[in-house]
Amino acid sequence: MNYKIMYALLLVSMYTLTGTVSVEQIPPQTEQKVSFDQELYDWSWIFAQVCGCVKQKHYQPDHIGQSMIDAMNSFLTGIDPHSSFLDPKTYKTLLESISGEFFGIGIIIDNTRKANDKSLLIINTIPQGPADKVGIKERDRIVEIDGTSLDGMSTEEAMAKLKGERHTVVSLKVMREGENDLLSFDITRDVIKEQNSLCFYLPEQDIYYLSLSIFTDTALKQIESLLRTAASKKYKGLILDLRNNSGGLLSSVVDIAGLFIPKGSIVVTTKDKQGNTLEKYITTREPILTNKDLVITILVNNYTASAAEILTGCLKLYAEKNIETGSNLSLVFVVGEPTYGKGSVQEIISIGKNCAIKITTSIYALLGDVLIQAEGIKPDFEIERTLPPTEQMEWIKKHYGSERTLTNHITQSKTTVEKTKNKKINTSKQQKTWADRAKKNLLKDNQFRYAINSINLINFMRSCCPDKTKNRTDIIKLVNSIDVGDKKIVLQEIK
């Protein structure tokens, strides 16, 4: 049946149906598989009957618009967790966020959140942003926004509620590990300019470090600037940190890949449900990185998703196939935890009443038809992150962690007893920049340290035993035989 006729019948039934529906009128359920068109038509008719009953019989049918939005969103999220319905406010916020400046509270959230999650995980806060100033912390979970529970709310809708007019207040309820009760915060929205990348040089190790939190138009300029600066001297390694990077612009990923792999190389392709190739994304520039002996480690975790997985997988595959692809890359190694596995493509389609739908239309395939979807990328060196000590542990260490913390402790310089005096602690926060906070976190980051050690170890092994480090596979095998990392260790008791 033509879809226009189906739609007309649906409208007619919605506005002309009277009376109640008896059980006999509902067709019996069958286990026989029906076509998409038939199933859609059958259930559209049922939906029309429900709407007609509401119009005819409901005591007070208010909030019809919101109910329809919720119904359409449930329909899309029920098909797959990455599709959703964007109401006018959510769609407008999504369009505004592309500019990189908006009125919000200054948090980075977990974009891999599932549609049925009842909370929104905060991965980080922007230093001196509105949320940071009131005490919101990394790993907090938002469970309520302005009195509305996040249960059943899409991530896009939640983000739209967090953003708003400048100097307006949004109220949050937050769940924090170690706290028995929910924490309440009133946060004043302000202009947020997200910093998406950071670069450091480690002079003692002769290693460059670059982190990217999201792929934007500016990310290309930042990484290109770093590579050009580094290219002026010979250095030992590059750490590309893509942890907690949940994606961004595919065009940015293709451009960044072009800094590493030959011009005209395929970065990724998209495939439809029949497996046909829809589009190929190919590099259009000459690479800057031409040092084939440079060791590159890419840091990833289970929040590395979508575009970040494409770049990781692309560079890894071109390193594995460097001879047949003509790539200078041969020493790219992935460090950390398995990535999320978000390899599907969503398209934003505008529809009526200033709304849009985000719908999954295809999947990504890397070089050699390697799929990311639901698979992710497994690290060459799997290292679970050891998080910094909690505040409680830091307090215990400070007050009970050594002899000097004991009241009336004895010092070596005096035979008399030195009495500990109570000191008034200044609890005012010292302003820290994004870079300051990143430095502090990196110094406690075991995955970051492992990335440094692996670069040093690989360079050392290649110089002292070239026969055992002829290719990438040999290097991974040798490193894993020397450094146990997070691998299971077997202990045999000797009696």
Protein backbone atom coordinates (compact mmCIF):
# COMPACT_ATOMS: atom_id res chain seq x y z
CA MET A 1 0.00 0.00 0.00
CA ASN A 2 1.25 3.51 -0.84
CA TYR A 3 2.58 5.28 2.24
CA LYS A 4 0.55 8.43 1.43
CA ILE A 5 -2.66 6.38 1.49
CA MET A 6 -1.55 4.80 4.77
CA TYR A 7 -0.91 8.26 6.23
CA ALA A 8 -4.29 9.52 5.06
CA LEU A 9 -6.03 6.53 6.63
CA LEU A 10 -4.12 7.13 9.84
CA LEU A 11 -5.27 10.75 10.02
CA VAL A 12 -8.85 9.87 9.20
CA SER A 13 -8.94 7.16 11.85
CA MET A 14 -7.40 9.45 14.49
CA TYR A 15 -10.10 12.08 14.11
CA THR A 16 -13.19 10.01 13.23
CA LEU A 17 -12.96 6.99 15.51
CA THR A 18 -15.69 6.94 18.16
CA GLY A 19 -16.62 4.51 20.88
CA THR A 20 -14.43 2.01 22.64
CA VAL A 21 -12.44 -0.80 21.10
CA SER A 22 -13.61 -4.30 21.99
CA VAL A 23 -11.23 -7.21 22.38
CA GLU A 24 -12.79 -8.88 19.32
CA GLN A 25 -11.70 -5.94 17.10
CA ILE A 26 -7.99 -6.46 17.86
CA PRO A 27 -6.48 -8.92 15.37
CA PRO A 28 -4.93 -11.95 17.08
CA GLN A 29 -1.14 -11.92 17.39
CA THR A 30 0.76 -14.19 15.08
CA GLU A 31 4.28 -15.45 15.20
CA GLN A 32 4.59 -15.32 11.44
CA LYS A 33 7.20 -12.75 10.35
CA VAL A 34 5.62 -9.85 8.48
CA SER A 35 7.20 -7.22 6.25
CA PHE A 36 8.25 -3.83 7.54
CA ASP A 37 5.47 -2.07 5.60
CA GLN A 38 2.80 -4.46 6.86
CA GLU A 39 3.93 -4.29 10.49
CA LEU A 40 4.16 -0.50 10.35
CA TYR A 41 0.67 -0.29 8.86
CA ASP A 42 -0.83 -2.69 11.41
CA TRP A 43 0.61 -0.84 14.40
CA SER A 44 -0.14 2.58 12.92
CA TRP A 45 -3.77 1.50 12.88
CA ILE A 46 -3.54 0.45 16.53
CA PHE A 47 -1.87 3.77 17.38
CA ALA A 48 -4.66 5.62 15.58
CA GLN A 49 -7.25 3.73 17.63
CA VAL A 50 -5.43 4.69 20.86
CA CYS A 51 -5.40 8.36 19.81
CA GLY A 52 -9.06 8.17 18.90
CA CYS A 53 -9.94 6.67 22.28
CA VAL A 54 -7.97 9.41 24.07
CA LYS A 55 -9.84 12.08 22.12
CA GLN A 56 -13.22 10.49 22.72
CA LYS A 57 -12.95 9.13 26.25
CA HIS A 58 -10.05 10.64 28.24
CA TYR A 59 -11.20 12.87 31.10
CA GLN A 60 -8.55 15.57 30.56
CA PRO A 61 -6.30 14.99 27.51
CA ASP A 62 -3.59 17.58 28.16
CA HIS A 63 0.07 17.65 27.07
CA ILE A 64 -0.73 15.94 23.76
CA GLY A 65 2.29 17.48 22.03
CA GLN A 66 4.77 16.23 24.61
CA SER A 67 3.11 12.80 24.63
CA MET A 68 3.52 12.57 20.86
CA ILE A 69 7.19 13.63 21.14
CA ASP A 70 7.77 10.96 23.79
CA ALA A 71 6.02 8.34 21.65
CA MET A 72 8.11 9.14 18.57
CA ASN A 73 11.30 9.17 20.61
CA SER A 74 10.42 5.80 22.14
CA PHE A 75 9.76 4.42 18.66
CA LEU A 76 13.21 5.50 17.42
CA THR A 77 15.21 4.54 20.52
CA GLY A 78 13.42 1.20 20.55
CA ILE A 79 14.81 0.44 17.09
CA ASP A 80 18.39 1.29 18.09
CA PRO A 81 19.93 3.20 21.02
CA HIS A 82 21.59 5.89 18.87
CA SER A 83 18.46 7.02 17.02
CA SER A 84 16.18 9.58 18.65
CA PHE A 85 13.57 12.27 18.10
CA LEU A 86 14.75 15.88 18.52
CA ASP A 87 12.08 18.28 19.72
CA PRO A 88 12.41 21.98 18.76
CA LYS A 89 14.46 22.95 21.82
CA THR A 90 16.80 19.94 21.55
CA TYR A 91 17.28 20.44 17.81
CA LYS A 92 18.00 24.16 18.25
CA THR A 93 20.55 23.42 20.99
CA LEU A 94 22.24 20.82 18.80
CA LEU A 95 22.64 23.32 15.96
CA GLU A 96 23.98 26.00 18.31
CA SER A 97 26.55 23.67 19.88
CA ILE A 98 28.25 23.19 16.51
CA SER A 99 29.55 26.79 16.71
CA GLY A 100 31.71 25.84 19.72
CA GLU A 101 30.29 28.60 21.96
CA PHE A 102 27.09 28.29 23.93
CA PHE A 103 25.52 29.04 27.28
CA GLY A 104 25.93 26.06 29.56
CA ILE A 105 27.46 24.86 32.82
CA GLY A 106 30.87 23.61 31.64
CA ILE A 107 30.85 19.84 31.83
CA ILE A 108 32.01 17.06 29.52
CA ILE A 109 29.55 14.18 29.54
CA ASP A 110 29.62 10.56 28.47
CA ASN A 111 28.13 10.56 24.96
CA THR A 112 28.10 6.77 24.91
CA ARG A 113 25.19 6.81 27.37
CA LYS A 114 22.39 4.39 26.52
CA ALA A 115 18.85 5.65 26.03
CA ASN A 116 17.51 3.81 29.09
CA ASP A 117 20.24 5.00 31.48
CA LYS A 118 18.82 6.84 34.48
CA SER A 119 21.80 9.15 34.93
CA LEU A 120 24.28 11.24 32.97
CA LEU A 121 27.95 10.57 33.75
CA ILE A 122 30.23 13.61 34.01
CA ILE A 123 33.64 12.73 32.56
CA ASN A 124 35.19 16.08 33.41
CA THR A 125 34.44 19.69 34.25
CA ILE A 126 35.88 22.75 32.55
CA PRO A 127 38.20 24.54 35.02
CA GLN A 128 36.60 27.67 36.47
CA GLY A 129 33.41 26.92 34.59
CA PRO A 130 30.03 27.27 36.34
CA ALA A 131 29.85 23.59 37.38
CA ASP A 132 33.44 23.52 38.59
CA LYS A 133 32.89 26.60 40.76
CA VAL A 134 29.95 25.07 42.66
CA GLY A 135 31.76 21.79 43.33
CA ILE A 136 30.64 19.39 40.58
CA LYS A 137 33.31 16.71 40.18
CA GLU A 138 34.54 14.17 37.66
CA ARG A 139 32.58 10.87 37.87
CA ASP A 140 29.50 12.56 39.35
CA ARG A 141 26.21 11.33 37.89
CA ILE A 142 23.34 13.73 37.16
CA VAL A 143 20.02 12.06 37.99
CA GLU A 144 17.66 15.04 37.88
CA ILE A 145 17.54 18.35 35.99
CA ASP A 146 15.17 21.09 37.18
CA GLY A 147 13.07 18.54 39.02
CA THR A 148 12.81 16.15 36.05
CA SER A 149 14.27 12.67 36.35
CA LEU A 150 16.62 11.49 33.61
CA ASP A 151 14.84 8.14 33.53
CA GLY A 152 13.69 7.75 29.92
CA MET A 153 15.26 11.04 28.80
CA SER A 154 17.56 11.01 25.76
CA THR A 155 21.09 12.39 26.05
CA GLU A 156 20.25 15.14 23.54
CA GLU A 157 17.22 16.19 25.58
CA ALA A 158 19.27 16.19 28.80
CA MET A 159 21.97 18.34 27.22
CA ALA A 160 19.33 20.73 25.91
CA LYS A 161 17.98 21.14 29.44
CA LEU A 162 21.47 21.90 30.78
CA LYS A 163 21.94 24.69 28.23
CA GLY A 164 19.84 27.84 28.13
CA GLU A 165 19.89 31.62 28.35
CA ARG A 166 22.94 33.27 29.86
CA HIS A 167 22.77 33.98 33.62
CA THR A 168 19.77 31.68 34.11
CA VAL A 169 19.91 28.96 36.78
CA VAL A 170 19.62 25.21 36.33
CA SER A 171 19.10 22.95 39.34
CA LEU A 172 20.74 19.52 39.44
CA LYS A 173 20.57 16.51 41.70
CA VAL A 174 23.81 14.52 41.58
CA MET A 175 24.78 11.07 42.76
CA ARG A 176 28.39 10.87 44.00
CA GLU A 177 30.31 7.75 44.96
CA GLY A 178 30.81 7.59 48.72
CA GLU A 179 27.83 9.85 49.48
CA ASN A 180 24.67 8.34 50.95
CA ASP A 181 22.40 11.19 49.86
CA LEU A 182 21.89 12.96 46.57
CA LEU A 183 23.69 16.30 46.27
CA SER A 184 21.82 19.40 45.07
CA PHE A 185 23.41 22.19 43.02
CA ASP A 186 22.07 25.43 41.58
CA ILE A 187 24.30 26.46 38.68
CA THR A 188 24.20 29.72 36.73
CA ARG A 189 24.69 29.23 33.01
CA ASP A 190 27.38 31.20 31.22
CA VAL A 191 29.37 31.28 27.99
CA ILE A 192 31.35 28.07 27.57
CA LYS A 193 34.26 27.88 25.18
CA GLU A 194 35.39 24.31 25.22
CA GLN A 195 39.08 23.54 25.01
CA ASN A 196 39.33 20.45 22.90
CA SER A 197 43.06 19.77 22.86
CA LEU A 198 46.21 20.11 24.93
CA CYS A 199 49.86 19.74 23.94
CA PHE A 200 52.87 19.09 26.17
CA TYR A 201 56.53 18.32 25.59
CA LEU A 202 58.38 15.97 27.93
CA PRO A 203 62.00 17.18 27.69
CA GLU A 204 63.57 14.41 29.80
CA GLN A 205 61.94 11.71 27.67
CA ASP A 206 62.00 13.69 24.39
CA ILE A 207 58.33 12.83 23.80
CA TYR A 208 55.42 14.98 22.63
CA TYR A 209 51.94 14.54 24.11
CA LEU A 210 48.64 15.59 22.54
CA SER A 211 45.14 15.02 23.90
CA LEU A 212 41.93 15.50 21.93
CA SER A 213 38.59 15.48 23.75
CA ILE A 214 36.46 15.87 20.62
CA PHE A 215 37.01 16.25 16.88
CA THR A 216 36.23 19.77 15.67
CA ASP A 217 37.36 22.03 12.84
CA THR A 218 39.99 23.56 15.13
CA ALA A 219 41.44 20.18 16.15
CA LEU A 220 43.17 19.82 12.77
CA LYS A 221 44.99 23.14 13.16
CA GLN A 222 46.15 22.25 16.66
CA ILE A 223 47.55 18.83 15.81
CA GLU A 224 49.07 20.10 12.55
CA SER A 225 50.84 22.88 14.46
CA LEU A 226 52.24 20.34 16.93
CA LEU A 227 53.50 18.00 14.20
CA ARG A 228 55.17 20.86 12.31
CA THR A 229 56.85 22.06 15.50
CA ALA A 230 58.00 18.54 16.34
CA ALA A 231 59.17 17.88 12.76
CA SER A 232 61.90 20.50 13.14
CA LYS A 233 63.78 18.13 15.45
CA LYS A 234 64.27 14.42 15.85
CA TYR A 235 62.29 13.13 18.81
CA LYS A 236 61.60 9.69 20.27
CA GLY A 237 57.86 9.43 20.34
CA LEU A 238 54.36 10.87 20.22
CA ILE A 239 51.50 10.10 22.62
CA LEU A 240 48.05 10.73 21.15
CA ASP A 241 45.52 10.66 23.99
CA LEU A 242 41.99 9.84 22.79
CA ARG A 243 40.62 8.64 26.12
CA ASN A 244 37.12 9.94 26.87
CA ASN A 245 36.89 11.20 23.27
CA SER A 246 33.39 10.27 22.18
CA GLY A 247 33.66 11.48 18.57
CA GLY A 248 32.89 14.64 16.66
CA LEU A 249 33.17 15.66 13.02
CA LEU A 250 34.14 12.89 10.62
CA SER A 251 35.67 15.48 8.27
CA SER A 252 38.08 16.45 11.06
CA VAL A 253 39.13 12.80 11.50
CA VAL A 254 39.80 12.42 7.76
CA ASP A 255 41.88 15.61 7.71
CA ILE A 256 43.88 14.55 10.79
CA ALA A 257 44.50 11.09 9.32
CA GLY A 258 45.88 12.87 6.27
CA LEU A 259 48.69 14.25 8.45
CA PHE A 260 49.92 10.66 9.00
CA ILE A 261 49.05 8.50 5.98
CA PRO A 262 49.67 8.96 2.21
CA LYS A 263 47.50 11.25 0.11
CA GLY A 264 44.60 9.38 -1.47
CA SER A 265 44.39 6.78 1.32
CA ILE A 266 41.02 5.45 2.45
CA VAL A 267 40.32 6.42 6.06
CA VAL A 268 36.88 4.83 6.37
CA THR A 269 33.90 3.80 4.27
CA THR A 270 30.20 3.61 5.05
CA LYS A 271 28.09 0.56 4.21
CA ASP A 272 24.33 0.12 4.02
CA LYS A 273 22.29 -2.76 5.43
CA GLN A 274 22.98 -4.85 2.31
CA GLY A 275 26.74 -4.39 2.74
CA ASN A 276 27.08 -2.06 -0.24
CA THR A 277 29.61 0.75 -0.01
CA LEU A 278 27.85 4.11 0.18
CA GLU A 279 30.74 6.52 0.56
CA LYS A 280 34.52 6.51 0.79
CA TYR A 281 36.41 9.06 2.88
CA ILE A 282 39.86 9.63 1.43
CA THR A 283 42.78 11.84 2.49
CA THR A 284 43.40 14.82 0.21
CA ARG A 285 46.75 16.14 1.43
CA GLU A 286 50.36 15.12 1.74
CA PRO A 287 51.31 13.84 5.23
CA ILE A 288 53.51 15.85 7.57
CA LEU A 289 54.74 12.85 9.54
CA THR A 290 57.37 11.15 7.40
CA ASN A 291 59.65 9.65 10.09
CA LYS A 292 59.03 5.91 9.81
CA ASP A 293 61.07 5.24 12.97
CA LEU A 294 58.86 7.40 15.18
CA VAL A 295 57.03 5.44 17.91
CA ILE A 296 53.41 6.55 18.32
CA THR A 297 51.24 5.35 21.18
CA ILE A 298 47.49 6.01 21.14
CA LEU A 299 45.82 6.04 24.55
CA VAL A 300 42.22 4.76 24.56
CA ASN A 301 39.58 3.61 27.05
CA ASN A 302 35.98 2.43 27.03
CA TYR A 303 34.82 6.02 26.51
CA THR A 304 36.80 6.27 23.27
CA ALA A 305 34.05 6.06 20.66
CA SER A 306 32.90 6.78 17.13
CA ALA A 307 35.25 9.21 15.31
CA ALA A 308 38.02 8.58 17.87
CA GLU A 309 37.79 4.84 17.15
CA ILE A 310 37.99 5.54 13.42
CA LEU A 311 41.25 7.49 13.80
CA THR A 312 42.71 4.89 16.18
CA GLY A 313 41.77 1.98 13.95
CA CYS A 314 42.89 3.77 10.79
CA LEU A 315 46.39 4.56 12.08
CA LYS A 316 46.77 1.09 13.60
CA LEU A 317 45.76 -0.67 10.37
CA TYR A 318 48.03 1.47 8.20
CA ALA A 319 50.89 0.65 10.57
CA GLU A 320 50.12 -3.05 10.24
CA LYS A 321 49.91 -2.81 6.44
CA ASN A 322 52.57 -0.15 5.91
CA ILE A 323 54.42 -2.02 3.15
CA GLU A 324 51.39 -2.72 0.95
CA THR A 325 49.83 0.73 1.54
CA GLY A 326 53.03 2.73 1.17
CA SER A 327 52.57 4.26 4.60
CA ASN A 328 55.48 5.57 6.66
CA LEU A 329 53.67 4.37 9.75
CA SER A 330 54.95 1.11 11.18
CA LEU A 331 55.33 1.83 14.88
CA VAL A 332 51.81 2.74 16.00
CA PHE A 333 50.68 0.99 19.19
CA VAL A 334 47.37 1.24 21.04
CA VAL A 335 47.58 1.41 24.85
CA GLY A 336 44.81 1.29 27.44
CA GLU A 337 41.42 -0.42 27.52
CA PRO A 338 39.12 -1.72 24.74
CA THR A 339 37.18 1.06 23.04
CA TYR A 340 33.41 1.47 23.13
CA GLY A 341 32.49 0.01 19.73
CA LYS A 342 30.35 2.81 18.28
CA GLY A 343 30.67 2.27 14.55
CA SER A 344 27.24 3.29 13.27
CA VAL A 345 26.38 6.42 11.29
CA GLN A 346 23.59 8.74 12.38
CA GLU A 347 22.03 11.30 10.07
CA ILE A 348 20.13 14.36 11.29
CA ILE A 349 17.00 14.86 9.17
CA SER A 350 14.85 17.96 9.59
CA ILE A 351 11.11 17.35 9.68
CA GLY A 352 8.03 19.46 10.50
CA LYS A 353 7.36 21.77 13.47
CA ASN A 354 11.10 22.66 13.80
CA CYS A 355 11.86 19.09 14.85
CA ALA A 356 14.35 16.56 13.53
CA ILE A 357 15.20 12.91 13.84
CA LYS A 358 18.61 11.40 14.45
CA ILE A 359 18.54 8.06 12.69
CA THR A 360 21.09 5.31 12.09
CA THR A 361 21.57 4.96 8.33
CA SER A 362 24.77 2.92 7.88
CA ILE A 363 27.90 1.54 9.57
CA TYR A 364 31.58 2.39 9.30
CA ALA A 365 34.18 0.02 7.84
CA LEU A 366 37.92 0.55 8.13
CA LEU A 367 40.66 -0.61 5.76
CA GLY A 368 40.05 -4.23 4.73
CA ASP A 369 36.37 -4.01 5.76
CA VAL A 370 37.25 -4.10 9.46
CA LEU A 371 34.13 -3.17 11.46
CA ILE A 372 34.05 -1.18 14.70
CA GLN A 373 30.37 -1.55 15.53
CA ALA A 374 29.89 -3.57 18.74
CA GLU A 375 33.51 -4.74 18.41
CA GLY A 376 35.62 -1.72 19.31
CA ILE A 377 39.40 -1.75 19.11
CA LYS A 378 41.48 -3.95 21.35
CA PRO A 379 44.70 -2.37 22.63
CA ASP A 380 48.07 -3.86 21.76
CA PHE A 381 49.04 -3.29 25.38
CA GLU A 382 46.00 -3.61 27.64
CA ILE A 383 46.40 -1.52 30.79
CA GLU A 384 43.53 -0.75 33.14
CA ARG A 385 43.64 2.73 34.56
CA THR A 386 44.31 3.01 38.28
CA LEU A 387 42.30 6.01 39.35
CA PRO A 388 43.86 8.56 41.73
CA PRO A 389 43.07 7.99 45.43
CA THR A 390 39.66 9.14 46.63
CA GLU A 391 39.33 12.17 48.91
CA GLN A 392 38.79 9.85 51.86
CA MET A 393 42.05 7.98 51.13
CA GLU A 394 43.93 11.25 50.65
CA TRP A 395 42.61 12.45 54.04
CA ILE A 396 43.64 9.19 55.76
CA LYS A 397 47.09 9.39 54.20
CA LYS A 398 47.47 13.00 55.28
CA HIS A 399 46.38 12.46 58.88
CA TYR A 400 47.50 8.88 59.58
CA GLY A 401 49.92 8.02 56.80
CA SER A 402 53.24 8.41 58.63
CA GLU A 403 54.90 8.89 62.02
CA ARG A 404 54.97 12.66 61.48
CA THR A 405 51.17 12.78 61.41
CA LEU A 406 50.92 11.51 65.00
CA THR A 407 50.37 13.97 67.81
CA ASN A 408 53.50 14.51 69.97
CA HIS A 409 55.73 12.64 67.53
CA ILE A 410 59.48 12.50 68.21
CA THR A 411 61.79 14.16 65.68
CA GLN A 412 65.36 13.20 64.85
CA SER A 413 66.67 16.71 65.27
CA LYS A 414 65.39 17.07 68.85
CA THR A 415 65.08 14.78 71.83
CA THR A 416 62.18 16.82 73.07
CA VAL A 417 58.64 16.13 71.99
CA GLU A 418 57.28 18.24 69.15
CA LYS A 419 53.61 18.91 69.60
CA THR A 420 51.33 19.05 66.61
CA LYS A 421 49.30 22.22 66.52
CA ASN A 422 45.94 22.59 64.88
CA LYS A 423 46.22 24.78 61.84
CA LYS A 424 43.48 26.62 60.09
CA ILE A 425 43.41 25.25 56.57
CA ASN A 426 42.64 27.61 53.75
CA THR A 427 39.92 25.85 51.83
CA SER A 428 39.61 28.49 49.13
CA LYS A 429 40.22 27.02 45.69
CA GLN A 430 43.26 28.13 43.81
CA GLN A 431 42.30 28.94 40.25
CA LYS A 432 43.61 26.35 37.85
CA THR A 433 43.64 26.40 34.09
CA TRP A 434 42.70 23.44 31.93
CA ALA A 435 46.41 22.78 31.38
CA ASP A 436 47.16 22.92 35.13
CA ARG A 437 44.49 20.35 35.88
CA ALA A 438 45.62 18.12 33.01
CA LYS A 439 49.22 18.18 34.29
CA LYS A 440 48.10 17.25 37.80
CA ASN A 441 45.99 14.34 36.51
CA LEU A 442 48.67 13.06 34.14
CA LEU A 443 51.21 12.88 36.94
CA LYS A 444 48.92 10.35 38.69
CA ASP A 445 47.97 8.52 35.48
CA ASN A 446 49.39 5.00 35.20
CA GLN A 447 48.27 4.58 31.57
CA PHE A 448 50.12 7.76 30.61
CA ARG A 449 53.25 6.51 32.37
CA TYR A 450 52.95 3.16 30.60
CA ALA A 451 52.74 4.97 27.25
CA ILE A 452 55.99 6.81 28.07
CA ASN A 453 57.69 3.60 29.22
CA SER A 454 56.56 1.70 26.12
CA ILE A 455 58.05 4.36 23.82
CA ASN A 456 61.34 4.23 25.70
CA LEU A 457 61.32 0.42 25.79
CA ILE A 458 60.53 0.04 22.08
CA ASN A 459 63.27 2.48 21.09
CA PHE A 460 65.74 0.64 23.32
CA MET A 461 64.79 -2.80 22.00
CA ARG A 462 65.05 -1.68 18.37
CA SER A 463 68.57 -0.41 18.97
CA CYS A 464 69.88 -3.39 20.96
CA CYS A 465 68.08 -6.31 19.31
CA PRO A 466 66.99 -5.34 15.78
CA ASP A 467 66.63 -8.99 14.77
CA LYS A 468 63.75 -9.40 17.26
CA THR A 469 62.02 -6.13 16.37
CA LYS A 470 61.76 -6.33 12.60
CA ASN A 471 58.05 -5.56 12.51
CA ARG A 472 55.17 -4.36 14.64
CA THR A 473 54.00 -7.87 15.55
CA ASP A 474 57.44 -8.88 16.83
CA ILE A 475 57.66 -5.71 18.93
CA ILE A 476 54.26 -6.29 20.58
CA LYS A 477 55.17 -9.88 21.36
CA LEU A 478 58.53 -8.89 22.85
CA VAL A 479 57.12 -6.04 24.96
CA ASN A 480 54.36 -8.26 26.33
CA SER A 481 56.91 -10.91 27.26
CA ILE A 482 58.93 -8.36 29.24
CA ASP A 483 56.21 -6.20 30.79
CA VAL A 484 53.31 -8.15 32.31
CA GLY A 485 51.08 -5.09 32.37
CA ASP A 486 47.57 -6.09 33.46
CA LYS A 487 47.88 -9.70 32.33
CA LYS A 488 46.94 -12.46 34.72
CA ILE A 489 49.90 -13.72 36.72
CA VAL A 490 50.04 -17.40 37.68
CA LEU A 491 51.71 -18.25 41.01
CA GLN A 492 52.77 -21.82 41.74
CA GLU A 493 53.47 -22.70 45.35
CA ILE A 494 56.71 -24.56 46.04
CA LYS A 495 56.54 -26.96 48.99
